[in-house]
Amino acid sequence: MTPTSTHALFVLAYGTPERPEDVEAYFTHIRGGRTPSAESVQHLREKYEKLGGRTPLKEITEAVAEGLRARLRAEGRDDAVYVGMKHWHPYIKDVMHRMYDDGIRTATAIVLAPHYSKMSIGGYRKYIDEANAQLPTPIQVDFIERWGEHPSFLSVMETLVRDGLAKFPDGDRAKVTVVFSAHSLPQKIREWGDPYEAELRASAAAVADRVGITDWRWAWQSAGGTTEPWLGPDILDYLEELAAEGVSHILQVPIGFTAEHLEVWWDIDYEAREKAGELGMVLERTELPNARPDFVEAVRAVVGEHEGRG
């Protein structure tokens, strides 16, 4: 249905291949059009195949968008809500063209990843700018760069951490070490003064404080397979350090992610859980915000406050 408002909410996410045979094109897009090696493609494809062939990231993002549509309608607003993906269909560029054809002239864009880095969130803005350059008249996009310390988001994460701790029997709960994690990036971001690392740790500290956790840890995951150094320690290596300390129970909190997808399923649910078992440790992880009503409310609150300041 064509919207009657000329303003839209643009909800952005990373994207995920829908079939194993899509992996090569998806991986090539992530690499900026550079074709990955056949071995790299096969390795990534095997991960998806071992985990059922695909992830629900697209459906989760669409569910968040639908929840936002319902809330806007309840407020008496007829703004359209569009979904765009960074590295798969529906691509940001294609959605921007559709928005323009639908009569959209202004938009508020939010990435469902709360912490800013030039290498991550900055890429979404780049794709928006490139799409705008192709339109007869650019859509005026108000881009929300960061929201990892918004109280509504922290409240969602507090609930998820409390629920995660409840997965352990009462007698084991005092033994649990909480480890926050996020997607690693190349270490060179530190040379740029990139805020990514500080924003993530600030979110983790705020959530830990809300829950009453005084001793929490940090690790990285999902480092890319390049020769340059990436932020560490990687969660698999860090599990060995924790085991050496005598830690026996771990609650993994992937605070840098908001929806189920490969990096969480493979790096934590598969590899980290397997590694923990080898080390004689019990590892659980928190659920992700996904399309929980309180998370949809949090996104709406972030957008509302941002528009109010504008």
Foldseek 3Di string as FASTA:
>chain_A
DQFPDLEAAEEEEADWDPFLVCQQQLVCVVVVNDGDDPVVSVVVSVLCVVVPGIWCVVVLSVLLLVLLCVVCVVVVHRHHYHYAHPRDPPHPLVVQVVSVVSNHQEYEYEYQFAFAFCSPLVSSVVSLVVSQVPDPHGRHYHYDGHDLPPPLLLVVLLVLVVVLLVVDPPVCSVLEAEEEEEAKDFPCSVVVVTCRVVSRVVSVVSSCVVNVHDGYHYAYFDDDPDPGHIDGDHLLVVLVVCLVVVRAEYEYEHSRHAADGSRCCPTPVPVVCVSSVVSNHHYHYTHHNRNPSSVSVVVVVVVVVVVVVD
